Amino acid sequence: MSRINTNISSLLAQRILGQQNAALNKSLERLSTGVAINRGADNPAGLIASENLRSEQAALSAAIGNAERADQVVNIAEGGLQEISGLLVEIRSLVGQSANGAGLSLKEKEANQLEIDSILSTIDRIASSTSFQGSKLLNGSFDFTISGQNSLVTDVQVNGAKLAFGENRDVQVMVTQSAQHAGLFLSTNGNLLIDGDDPTAQFVIEVAGKTGSREFSFASATTTSAMRNAINTFTSVTGVSATVSAIGGGVLLKSTGFGDSQFVSVKVVNDGGIAGGIARLSAANENTVSAAGFTSYATAQEAVRDEGQDVGAIINGTVAVTNGTTAKLATDFLDVLVELNVSGAQTLQTIDALTITGGGAVFNLGPNVDIINRASIGIGSVASRNLGSASTGYLDDLGSGKSSNLVDGDLATGQNIVNEAINKLSSLRGRLGAFQKNVVGSTIRSLSVTLENTSAAESNIRDTDFAVETAALTRAQILVNAATSVLALANAQPQSVLALLG
């Protein structure tokens, strides 16, 4: 080294020392923050991926919170419904007690009625007071709102519907098969059931339906109207009603309900010498006799049976599940039950049933705010005026002075109303339970796993690996010390020029 104005060795040592100090500072920063990417320059591509993953983590955490909140809402609603369910069972017991007319005094019936009134009031109070953060859960606030219900639709229940913001959903029902009662035609050879040749003869038949069976004995010369009246006396027992037939001389037996589950069966125990027979009704028109012909009374010792027919329906282009005159569609975007009246269920036609305009309890159970991640469920009012059905009546009909009160009302109808109310409430509890278990519960579990994996991926990109970084720190420390020593030597090296000056 013979030049002193420019110390190339010192400049080199300074550059290397600066680089080693930068590496040392980088390691110290990563170890002190625990993060490998503190700024974009550390890893531009990794920063982009990490920020995207962090955004997904935030969305997933929010979705899990939403699902947990939905679970809490359903729990509160279930608590109210469970209490109402117990009260309905108590009403069922009181109706049964009050039907024991000869065994109860008027005062006891009035006491039972007071208890019914108190229970009805309690049910209404629970329905109006069960809430979550001020939102009423059981008073119909979370029921779906509909408009334009067709007159051919007697009842509708919207259990779920996914609607985009401001969207309406039209519900169209195409009837592809008519609903039919089960039915049999009993030919009586004119108005007289049995010819007068044998006044002691009896025509004995066993009539059976969905709810039970009954044996009837008809003496000689019994009229078809008397036969009809006798059978109709036990309609509540058999589930079979009778009319004097317009088809011909005879009696028409029909099930009280529509559908495949309904049947009418007649077994001839004693034909009484009457000429005639039993015919099934046409599957296309229950008011006409089937082309299959008659089974004579003399050969009808084995029961002749006819079954009803469910309505066939397509709802919004999808084949519906049907029962009697009701059609149900349960898809991810629409869960609805439509009950048609007789005209609607027995005529092949397309019915613009109703329009869903909004409502329902809506929860966002996914990381994105869109219709796919939206879950909705309808929670109708469970007040006493809404528990029951249009065909049987509603629970408030059991109140004092109403048609099915316990003192002087129709207790048979009252019992049917209570049974329908119990079925309706049980159905609602079942739907809420299925929503809580299969939608909310599975969503929480799925999102939790996704959040774990997303967090692991983000951590792998962004977080400091302490094992690797401490090794890098040690290396940087050694190199800084070495570079410092080298710089000192480089700075001292020009002093050797003094030896040339003697």
Protein backbone atom coordinates (compact mmCIF):
# COMPACT_ATOMS: atom_id res chain seq x y z
CA MET A 1 0.00 0.00 0.00
CA SER A 2 1.79 3.09 -1.20
CA ARG A 3 -1.18 5.55 -1.59
CA ILE A 4 -2.77 7.31 1.33
CA ASN A 5 -5.41 9.66 -0.22
CA THR A 6 -7.74 6.78 -1.13
CA ASN A 7 -7.90 3.73 1.14
CA ILE A 8 -9.58 1.17 -1.08
CA SER A 9 -9.28 -1.55 1.56
CA SER A 10 -11.07 0.67 4.10
CA LEU A 11 -13.86 1.44 1.64
CA LEU A 12 -14.32 -2.27 0.95
CA ALA A 13 -14.35 -3.06 4.65
CA GLN A 14 -16.88 -0.26 5.28
CA ARG A 15 -19.21 -1.59 2.58
CA ILE A 16 -19.06 -5.11 3.92
CA LEU A 17 -19.53 -3.89 7.48
CA GLY A 18 -22.61 -1.91 6.41
CA GLN A 19 -24.10 -5.00 4.78
CA GLN A 20 -23.43 -7.12 7.85
CA ASN A 21 -24.94 -4.48 10.13
CA ALA A 22 -28.04 -4.39 7.90
CA ALA A 23 -28.35 -8.18 8.10
CA LEU A 24 -27.85 -8.03 11.87
CA ASN A 25 -30.51 -5.34 12.24
CA LYS A 26 -32.90 -7.37 10.06
CA SER A 27 -32.47 -10.40 12.29
CA LEU A 28 -32.88 -8.30 15.43
CA GLU A 29 -36.09 -6.77 14.01
CA ARG A 30 -37.56 -10.15 13.10
CA LEU A 31 -36.70 -11.65 16.47
CA SER A 32 -38.02 -8.67 18.43
CA THR A 33 -41.34 -8.45 16.47
CA GLY A 34 -41.78 -12.17 15.83
CA VAL A 35 -42.72 -11.28 12.24
CA ALA A 36 -40.62 -12.15 9.24
CA ILE A 37 -42.32 -9.57 6.97
CA ASN A 38 -42.34 -6.14 8.61
CA ARG A 39 -42.55 -4.13 5.38
CA GLY A 40 -43.20 -4.76 1.74
CA ALA A 41 -39.49 -4.80 0.90
CA ASP A 42 -38.95 -7.81 3.15
CA ASN A 43 -40.99 -10.08 0.83
CA PRO A 44 -43.34 -8.37 -1.67
CA ALA A 45 -45.08 -11.56 -2.86
CA GLY A 46 -45.26 -12.94 0.66
CA LEU A 47 -46.77 -9.68 1.93
CA ILE A 48 -49.56 -9.86 -0.69
CA ALA A 49 -50.34 -13.48 0.15
CA SER A 50 -50.19 -12.78 3.87
CA GLU A 51 -52.55 -9.79 3.69
CA ASN A 52 -55.05 -11.81 1.64
CA LEU A 53 -54.92 -14.61 4.19
CA ARG A 54 -55.36 -12.12 7.04
CA SER A 55 -58.45 -10.76 5.31
CA GLU A 56 -59.84 -14.28 5.02
CA GLN A 57 -59.08 -14.88 8.70
CA ALA A 58 -61.07 -11.80 9.69
CA ALA A 59 -64.01 -12.86 7.51
CA LEU A 60 -63.94 -16.40 8.89
CA SER A 61 -63.79 -15.15 12.47
CA ALA A 62 -66.80 -12.93 11.81
CA ALA A 63 -68.71 -15.83 10.23
CA ILE A 64 -68.00 -18.05 13.23
CA GLY A 65 -69.24 -15.27 15.50
CA ASN A 66 -72.40 -14.97 13.39
CA ALA A 67 -73.02 -18.72 13.60
CA GLU A 68 -72.49 -18.72 17.36
CA ARG A 69 -74.92 -15.82 17.65
CA ALA A 70 -77.47 -17.74 15.55
CA ASP A 71 -77.07 -20.68 17.91
CA GLN A 72 -77.83 -18.41 20.86
CA VAL A 73 -80.92 -16.99 19.15
CA VAL A 74 -82.28 -20.46 18.46
CA ASN A 75 -81.55 -21.54 22.03
CA ILE A 76 -83.65 -18.67 23.39
CA ALA A 77 -86.50 -19.43 20.97
CA GLU A 78 -86.34 -23.11 21.89
CA GLY A 79 -86.63 -22.25 25.58
CA GLY A 80 -89.90 -20.41 24.98
CA LEU A 81 -91.27 -23.14 22.72
CA GLN A 82 -90.42 -25.83 25.25
CA GLU A 83 -92.46 -24.05 27.91
CA ILE A 84 -95.42 -23.63 25.54
CA SER A 85 -95.18 -27.31 24.64
CA GLY A 86 -95.62 -28.25 28.30
CA LEU A 87 -98.63 -25.95 28.56
CA LEU A 88 -100.25 -27.56 25.51
CA VAL A 89 -99.89 -30.98 27.12
CA GLU A 90 -101.65 -29.59 30.19
CA ILE A 91 -104.49 -28.27 28.00
CA ARG A 92 -104.78 -31.71 26.39
CA SER A 93 -105.24 -33.23 29.84
CA LEU A 94 -107.86 -30.67 30.90
CA VAL A 95 -109.90 -31.25 27.73
CA GLY A 96 -109.88 -34.99 28.37
CA GLN A 97 -110.97 -34.49 31.98
CA SER A 98 -113.80 -32.15 31.04
CA ALA A 99 -115.17 -34.64 28.50
CA ASN A 100 -116.10 -36.87 31.47
CA GLY A 101 -119.44 -35.09 31.72
CA ALA A 102 -121.20 -37.26 34.30
CA GLY A 103 -118.11 -37.43 36.50
CA LEU A 104 -117.52 -33.68 36.77
CA SER A 105 -119.70 -31.04 38.33
CA LEU A 106 -120.31 -27.72 36.65
CA LYS A 107 -118.03 -26.05 39.19
CA GLU A 108 -115.18 -28.38 38.28
CA LYS A 109 -115.63 -27.70 34.58
CA GLU A 110 -115.64 -23.96 35.27
CA ALA A 111 -112.45 -24.37 37.32
CA ASN A 112 -110.87 -26.25 34.41
CA GLN A 113 -111.96 -23.45 32.06
CA LEU A 114 -110.32 -20.87 34.32
CA GLU A 115 -107.12 -22.88 34.12
CA ILE A 116 -107.40 -23.03 30.32
CA ASP A 117 -107.87 -19.25 30.19
CA SER A 118 -104.80 -18.78 32.36
CA ILE A 119 -102.73 -21.09 30.15
CA LEU A 120 -103.85 -19.31 26.98
CA SER A 121 -102.86 -16.01 28.52
CA THR A 122 -99.46 -17.42 29.48
CA ILE A 123 -98.88 -18.77 25.98
CA ASP A 124 -99.63 -15.34 24.51
CA ARG A 125 -97.31 -13.69 27.04
CA ILE A 126 -94.44 -16.07 26.22
CA ALA A 127 -95.02 -15.53 22.50
CA SER A 128 -94.84 -11.76 22.90
CA SER A 129 -91.97 -11.56 25.42
CA THR A 130 -89.40 -14.10 24.21
CA SER A 131 -86.70 -11.91 22.69
CA PHE A 132 -83.00 -11.56 21.87
CA GLN A 133 -81.52 -8.09 22.31
CA GLY A 134 -84.96 -6.58 21.92
CA SER A 135 -85.90 -8.60 18.83
CA LYS A 136 -89.09 -10.61 19.44
CA LEU A 137 -88.61 -14.22 18.38
CA LEU A 138 -92.00 -15.89 18.73
CA ASN A 139 -94.55 -13.21 17.89
CA GLY A 140 -94.21 -13.54 14.10
CA SER A 141 -91.55 -10.85 13.65
CA PHE A 142 -89.30 -13.44 12.02
CA ASP A 143 -92.02 -15.00 9.89
CA PHE A 144 -91.82 -14.55 6.13
CA THR A 145 -94.06 -11.93 4.59
CA ILE A 146 -96.20 -12.96 1.62
CA SER A 147 -98.59 -11.26 -0.75
CA GLY A 148 -101.00 -12.25 -3.49
CA GLN A 149 -102.10 -15.55 -1.94
CA ASN A 150 -104.30 -17.35 -4.46
CA SER A 151 -107.85 -18.20 -3.39
CA LEU A 152 -107.13 -21.84 -4.30
CA VAL A 153 -104.52 -21.91 -1.51
CA THR A 154 -106.06 -22.44 1.93
CA ASP A 155 -102.86 -22.32 3.94
CA VAL A 156 -99.17 -21.68 3.34
CA GLN A 157 -96.09 -22.06 5.51
CA VAL A 158 -92.78 -20.60 4.39
CA ASN A 159 -90.01 -22.28 6.38
CA GLY A 160 -87.08 -20.80 4.50
CA ALA A 161 -86.30 -18.62 1.51
CA LYS A 162 -83.06 -17.08 0.29
CA LEU A 163 -83.76 -13.67 -1.15
CA ALA A 164 -81.23 -11.21 -2.51
CA PHE A 165 -81.56 -7.62 -1.33
CA GLY A 166 -84.86 -6.21 -2.62
CA GLU A 167 -85.82 -9.51 -4.29
CA ASN A 168 -89.26 -11.15 -4.27
CA ARG A 169 -89.84 -14.86 -4.85
CA ASP A 170 -92.93 -16.06 -6.74
CA VAL A 171 -94.22 -19.51 -5.80
CA GLN A 172 -95.95 -21.37 -8.64
CA VAL A 173 -97.68 -24.73 -8.17
CA MET A 174 -98.39 -26.97 -11.14
CA VAL A 175 -100.96 -29.66 -10.25
CA THR A 176 -100.06 -32.80 -12.21
CA GLN A 177 -102.33 -35.30 -10.42
CA SER A 178 -105.63 -34.71 -8.68
CA ALA A 179 -106.06 -35.44 -4.99
CA GLN A 180 -108.71 -38.06 -4.24
CA HIS A 181 -110.55 -39.43 -1.24
CA ALA A 182 -110.56 -43.15 -0.76
CA GLY A 183 -114.06 -44.38 -1.53
CA LEU A 184 -116.43 -47.25 -2.22
CA PHE A 185 -119.91 -47.33 -3.72
CA LEU A 186 -122.43 -49.70 -2.07
CA SER A 187 -125.21 -50.61 -4.44
CA THR A 188 -128.51 -51.12 -2.59
CA ASN A 189 -130.74 -52.12 -5.45
CA GLY A 190 -132.87 -49.00 -5.13
CA ASN A 191 -134.01 -47.23 -2.01
CA LEU A 192 -134.81 -50.41 -0.02
CA LEU A 193 -131.71 -52.09 1.29
CA ILE A 194 -133.19 -55.58 1.60
CA ASP A 195 -136.15 -57.08 -0.23
CA GLY A 196 -139.20 -57.68 1.88
CA ASP A 197 -139.30 -61.41 1.23
CA ASP A 198 -137.46 -62.13 4.49
CA PRO A 199 -138.29 -59.53 7.17
CA THR A 200 -135.78 -61.11 9.57
CA ALA A 201 -132.87 -60.81 7.17
CA GLN A 202 -130.01 -58.48 8.11
CA PHE A 203 -127.32 -56.88 6.04
CA VAL A 204 -124.16 -56.80 8.19
CA ILE A 205 -121.00 -55.02 7.06
CA GLU A 206 -117.74 -53.96 8.67
CA VAL A 207 -116.62 -50.48 7.64
CA ALA A 208 -113.00 -49.52 8.26
CA GLY A 209 -110.98 -46.38 7.65
CA LYS A 210 -107.75 -44.77 8.72
CA THR A 211 -108.81 -44.16 12.31
CA GLY A 212 -110.69 -47.40 13.06
CA SER A 213 -113.47 -49.80 12.16
CA ARG A 214 -117.10 -50.48 13.08
CA GLU A 215 -119.63 -53.21 12.34
CA PHE A 216 -123.12 -52.16 11.22
CA SER A 217 -126.28 -54.26 11.06
CA PHE A 218 -129.17 -53.12 8.88
CA ALA A 219 -132.60 -54.71 9.09
CA SER A 220 -134.89 -55.44 6.16
CA ALA A 221 -136.24 -52.38 4.32
CA THR A 222 -133.66 -49.99 5.83
CA THR A 223 -133.45 -46.90 3.65
CA THR A 224 -130.22 -45.58 2.21
CA SER A 225 -130.65 -42.36 4.21
CA ALA A 226 -130.92 -44.36 7.46
CA MET A 227 -127.85 -46.34 6.43
CA ARG A 228 -125.99 -43.08 5.77
CA ASN A 229 -126.96 -41.66 9.15
CA ALA A 230 -125.84 -44.77 11.01
CA ILE A 231 -122.42 -44.79 9.35
CA ASN A 232 -121.93 -41.05 9.87
CA THR A 233 -122.63 -41.40 13.58
CA PHE A 234 -119.27 -43.18 13.87
CA THR A 235 -117.28 -41.10 11.37
CA SER A 236 -114.96 -39.89 14.14
CA VAL A 237 -114.25 -43.56 14.96
CA THR A 238 -113.74 -44.89 11.43
CA GLY A 239 -112.61 -41.87 9.45
CA VAL A 240 -115.31 -42.72 6.87
CA SER A 241 -118.30 -40.58 5.93
CA ALA A 242 -121.38 -41.63 3.94
CA THR A 243 -123.71 -39.90 1.53
CA VAL A 244 -126.72 -41.09 -0.43
CA SER A 245 -125.15 -41.56 -3.80
CA ALA A 246 -126.20 -39.72 -6.91
CA ILE A 247 -124.44 -42.38 -8.98
CA GLY A 248 -127.30 -44.83 -8.52
CA GLY A 249 -129.32 -46.53 -5.83
CA GLY A 250 -126.87 -46.84 -2.99
CA VAL A 251 -124.52 -45.25 -0.52
CA LEU A 252 -121.20 -43.61 -1.24
CA LEU A 253 -118.49 -44.07 1.38
CA LYS A 254 -115.51 -41.72 1.42
CA SER A 255 -112.55 -41.15 3.68
CA THR A 256 -112.67 -37.90 5.62
CA GLY A 257 -109.23 -36.97 4.31
CA PHE A 258 -107.40 -36.98 0.99
CA GLY A 259 -104.30 -38.93 0.07
CA ASP A 260 -102.51 -42.24 -0.15
CA SER A 261 -102.63 -42.75 3.61
CA GLN A 262 -106.44 -42.74 3.57
CA PHE A 263 -108.48 -45.86 2.85
CA VAL A 264 -112.02 -47.19 2.97
CA SER A 265 -112.62 -50.88 3.48
CA VAL A 266 -115.91 -52.81 3.52
CA LYS A 267 -116.29 -56.43 4.52
CA VAL A 268 -119.64 -58.14 4.14
CA VAL A 269 -120.36 -60.26 7.22
CA ASN A 270 -123.91 -61.16 6.10
CA ASP A 271 -125.31 -60.19 2.70
CA GLY A 272 -128.94 -60.55 3.89
CA GLY A 273 -129.91 -61.87 0.50
CA ILE A 274 -129.55 -58.48 -1.11
CA ALA A 275 -128.61 -58.22 -4.75
CA GLY A 276 -125.88 -55.71 -5.48
CA GLY A 277 -122.26 -55.18 -4.76
CA ILE A 278 -119.32 -52.94 -3.95
CA ALA A 279 -117.41 -50.84 -6.47
CA ARG A 280 -114.25 -48.80 -6.10
CA LEU A 281 -114.28 -45.19 -7.24
CA SER A 282 -112.44 -43.96 -10.28
CA ALA A 283 -108.87 -42.73 -9.71
CA ALA A 284 -109.53 -39.87 -12.12
CA ASN A 285 -112.86 -38.78 -10.63
CA GLU A 286 -113.90 -39.87 -7.16
CA ASN A 287 -117.56 -39.20 -7.99
CA THR A 288 -117.68 -41.94 -10.60
CA VAL A 289 -117.40 -45.72 -10.31
CA SER A 290 -114.25 -47.44 -11.47
CA ALA A 291 -114.45 -49.37 -14.72
CA ALA A 292 -113.20 -52.44 -12.84
CA GLY A 293 -116.81 -53.23 -11.95
CA PHE A 294 -118.59 -54.55 -8.86
CA THR A 295 -117.74 -57.17 -6.27
CA SER A 296 -121.02 -58.81 -5.33
CA TYR A 297 -122.03 -58.89 -1.67
CA ALA A 298 -122.13 -62.68 -1.78
CA THR A 299 -118.40 -62.78 -2.62
CA ALA A 300 -117.25 -59.86 -0.47
CA GLN A 301 -116.37 -61.85 2.63
CA GLU A 302 -112.83 -60.67 1.96
CA ALA A 303 -112.75 -56.93 2.50
CA VAL A 304 -112.93 -54.66 -0.55
CA ARG A 305 -110.54 -51.77 -0.07
CA ASP A 306 -109.88 -48.51 -1.87
CA GLU A 307 -107.09 -46.06 -1.15
CA GLY A 308 -106.96 -42.32 -1.69
CA GLN A 309 -104.56 -40.39 -3.87
CA ASP A 310 -102.18 -37.56 -3.02
CA VAL A 311 -102.12 -34.49 -5.17
CA GLY A 312 -99.23 -34.44 -7.62
CA ALA A 313 -97.45 -31.11 -7.82
CA ILE A 314 -94.42 -29.29 -9.17
CA ILE A 315 -93.36 -26.17 -7.28
CA ASN A 316 -91.17 -23.69 -9.16
CA GLY A 317 -90.04 -26.39 -11.56
CA THR A 318 -89.13 -28.98 -8.90
CA VAL A 319 -91.22 -32.04 -8.07
CA ALA A 320 -92.79 -31.51 -4.65
CA VAL A 321 -93.38 -34.00 -1.86
CA THR A 322 -97.14 -34.28 -1.40
CA ASN A 323 -99.55 -35.51 1.23
CA GLY A 324 -103.27 -35.25 0.65
CA THR A 325 -103.88 -31.74 -0.68
CA THR A 326 -100.56 -30.29 0.53
CA ALA A 327 -97.36 -29.96 -1.45
CA LYS A 328 -93.96 -29.31 0.11
CA LEU A 329 -90.71 -28.19 -1.46
CA ALA A 330 -87.52 -28.16 0.59
CA THR A 331 -84.45 -26.85 -1.20
CA ASP A 332 -81.57 -24.61 -0.19
CA PHE A 333 -83.27 -21.59 -1.73
CA LEU A 334 -86.93 -22.31 -0.96
CA ASP A 335 -88.63 -24.34 1.77
CA VAL A 336 -92.38 -23.95 1.53
CA LEU A 337 -95.56 -25.94 2.23
CA VAL A 338 -98.71 -25.11 0.27
CA GLU A 339 -102.15 -26.51 1.10
CA LEU A 340 -104.70 -26.36 -1.72
CA ASN A 341 -108.46 -26.38 -1.41
CA VAL A 342 -110.53 -29.11 -3.08
CA SER A 343 -110.90 -27.21 -6.34
CA GLY A 344 -107.20 -26.46 -6.49
CA ALA A 345 -106.12 -30.00 -5.63
CA GLN A 346 -108.52 -31.80 -7.99
CA THR A 347 -107.98 -29.75 -11.14
CA LEU A 348 -104.91 -30.14 -13.33
CA GLN A 349 -103.72 -26.56 -13.61
CA THR A 350 -100.92 -24.09 -12.91
CA ILE A 351 -101.52 -21.90 -9.86
CA ASP A 352 -99.68 -18.67 -9.09
CA ALA A 353 -99.86 -19.47 -5.39
CA LEU A 354 -98.20 -16.50 -3.67
CA THR A 355 -95.22 -14.15 -3.61
CA ILE A 356 -92.63 -14.08 -0.82
CA THR A 357 -91.67 -10.46 -0.29
CA GLY A 358 -89.20 -10.76 2.58
CA GLY A 359 -88.96 -11.52 6.28
CA GLY A 360 -87.56 -14.52 8.08
CA ALA A 361 -84.66 -14.79 10.49
CA VAL A 362 -81.62 -14.20 8.27
CA PHE A 363 -78.08 -15.14 9.28
CA ASN A 364 -74.85 -14.70 7.30
CA LEU A 365 -72.95 -17.90 8.03
CA GLY A 366 -70.04 -17.61 5.60
CA PRO A 367 -66.98 -15.42 5.05
CA ASN A 368 -68.59 -13.60 2.12
CA VAL A 369 -71.73 -11.48 2.24
CA ASP A 370 -73.74 -13.09 -0.54
CA ILE A 371 -76.80 -15.24 -1.06
CA ILE A 372 -74.82 -18.49 -0.98
CA ASN A 373 -73.64 -17.87 2.59
CA ARG A 374 -77.03 -16.63 3.74
CA ALA A 375 -79.24 -18.91 5.83
CA SER A 376 -82.83 -18.06 6.67
CA ILE A 377 -85.57 -19.71 8.68
CA GLY A 378 -89.15 -18.67 9.29
CA ILE A 379 -90.39 -18.50 12.87
CA GLY A 380 -94.11 -17.90 12.91
CA SER A 381 -96.22 -16.56 15.74
CA VAL A 382 -97.03 -19.12 18.44
CA ALA A 383 -99.76 -17.04 20.06
CA SER A 384 -102.91 -18.99 20.87
CA ARG A 385 -104.76 -17.40 17.94
CA ASN A 386 -102.19 -18.90 15.54
CA LEU A 387 -101.74 -22.41 16.95
CA GLY A 388 -103.97 -24.83 15.04
CA SER A 389 -105.17 -24.77 11.46
CA ALA A 390 -107.84 -23.22 9.32
CA SER A 391 -109.64 -26.55 8.95
CA THR A 392 -109.74 -27.56 12.65
CA GLY A 393 -109.72 -24.15 14.35
CA TYR A 394 -107.26 -22.35 16.60
CA LEU A 395 -106.28 -22.70 20.22
CA ASP A 396 -108.04 -19.55 21.38
CA ASP A 397 -111.33 -21.29 20.45
CA LEU A 398 -110.97 -23.08 23.82
CA GLY A 399 -111.27 -19.81 25.73
CA SER A 400 -114.29 -18.88 27.82
CA GLY A 401 -117.39 -18.32 25.71
CA LYS A 402 -115.71 -19.69 22.58
CA SER A 403 -116.96 -22.60 20.48
CA SER A 404 -114.76 -25.25 22.14
CA ASN A 405 -114.79 -24.06 25.74
CA LEU A 406 -114.77 -26.74 28.43
CA VAL A 407 -118.11 -25.87 30.01
CA ASP A 408 -120.55 -26.18 27.09
CA GLY A 409 -118.39 -26.24 23.97
CA ASP A 410 -117.51 -28.90 21.39
CA LEU A 411 -114.77 -30.85 23.20
CA ALA A 412 -114.16 -33.25 20.31
CA THR A 413 -113.23 -30.30 18.12
CA GLY A 414 -111.29 -28.81 21.02
CA GLN A 415 -109.20 -31.94 21.31
CA ASN A 416 -108.50 -31.88 17.57
CA ILE A 417 -107.41 -28.24 17.87
CA VAL A 418 -105.03 -29.04 20.72
CA ASN A 419 -103.60 -31.99 18.79
CA GLU A 420 -103.05 -29.78 15.74
CA ALA A 421 -101.44 -27.10 17.92
CA ILE A 422 -99.09 -29.67 19.45
CA ASN A 423 -98.18 -30.95 15.98
CA LYS A 424 -97.55 -27.42 14.70
CA LEU A 425 -95.39 -26.50 17.67
CA SER A 426 -93.47 -29.78 17.50
CA SER A 427 -92.85 -29.19 13.81
CA LEU A 428 -91.46 -25.71 14.53
CA ARG A 429 -89.21 -27.04 17.29
CA GLY A 430 -88.02 -29.80 14.98
CA ARG A 431 -87.19 -27.29 12.22
CA LEU A 432 -85.31 -25.06 14.64
CA GLY A 433 -83.45 -28.06 16.04
CA ALA A 434 -82.48 -29.25 12.57
CA PHE A 435 -81.34 -25.72 11.67
CA GLN A 436 -79.29 -25.49 14.85
CA LYS A 437 -77.71 -28.92 14.46
CA ASN A 438 -77.27 -29.35 10.73
CA VAL A 439 -76.80 -25.76 9.56
CA VAL A 440 -75.39 -23.74 12.45
CA GLY A 441 -73.46 -26.51 14.18
CA SER A 442 -71.86 -27.91 11.04
CA THR A 443 -71.06 -24.38 9.86
CA ILE A 444 -69.21 -23.57 13.09
CA ARG A 445 -67.19 -26.77 12.86
CA SER A 446 -66.37 -26.30 9.18
CA LEU A 447 -65.42 -22.64 9.54
CA SER A 448 -63.26 -23.40 12.59
CA VAL A 449 -61.23 -25.94 10.62
CA THR A 450 -60.88 -23.49 7.73
CA LEU A 451 -59.77 -20.74 10.12
CA GLU A 452 -57.12 -23.02 11.63
CA ASN A 453 -55.72 -23.92 8.23
CA THR A 454 -55.82 -20.32 7.01
CA SER A 455 -54.03 -19.13 10.14
CA ALA A 456 -51.40 -21.82 9.70
CA ALA A 457 -50.81 -20.78 6.09
CA GLU A 458 -50.55 -17.10 7.05
CA SER A 459 -48.20 -17.90 9.91
CA ASN A 460 -45.97 -19.96 7.65
CA ILE A 461 -45.54 -16.97 5.35
CA ARG A 462 -45.37 -14.07 7.80
CA ASP A 463 -44.18 -15.25 11.21
CA THR A 464 -40.52 -15.50 12.19
CA ASP A 465 -38.93 -18.92 12.36
CA PHE A 466 -36.88 -18.40 15.54
CA ALA A 467 -34.66 -21.41 14.97
CA VAL A 468 -33.60 -20.13 11.56
CA GLU A 469 -33.44 -16.48 12.60
CA THR A 470 -31.31 -17.03 15.72
CA ALA A 471 -28.81 -18.89 13.58
CA ALA A 472 -28.82 -15.97 11.13
CA LEU A 473 -28.37 -13.56 14.05
CA THR A 474 -25.33 -15.43 15.34
CA ARG A 475 -23.83 -15.48 11.88
CA ALA A 476 -24.50 -11.75 11.41
CA GLN A 477 -22.93 -10.95 14.81
CA ILE A 478 -19.79 -12.87 13.94
CA LEU A 479 -19.54 -11.26 10.53
CA VAL A 480 -20.06 -7.75 12.01
CA ASN A 481 -17.28 -8.36 14.54
CA ALA A 482 -15.00 -9.70 11.79
CA ALA A 483 -15.80 -6.80 9.47
CA THR A 484 -15.13 -4.32 12.31
CA SER A 485 -11.74 -5.88 12.93
CA VAL A 486 -10.93 -5.87 9.22
CA LEU A 487 -11.94 -2.21 8.97
CA ALA A 488 -9.57 -1.37 11.81
CA LEU A 489 -6.74 -3.12 9.99
CA ALA A 490 -7.65 -1.40 6.73
CA ASN A 491 -7.62 2.01 8.43
CA ALA A 492 -4.19 1.32 9.99
CA GLN A 493 -2.65 0.04 6.79
CA PRO A 494 -1.75 3.51 5.27
CA GLN A 495 0.50 4.21 8.24
CA SER A 496 3.03 1.82 6.72
CA VAL A 497 3.83 4.53 4.15
CA LEU A 498 5.73 6.38 6.91
CA ALA A 499 8.46 3.79 6.75
CA LEU A 500 9.32 5.05 3.24
CA LEU A 501 10.12 8.49 4.62
CA GLY A 502 13.02 7.11 6.67
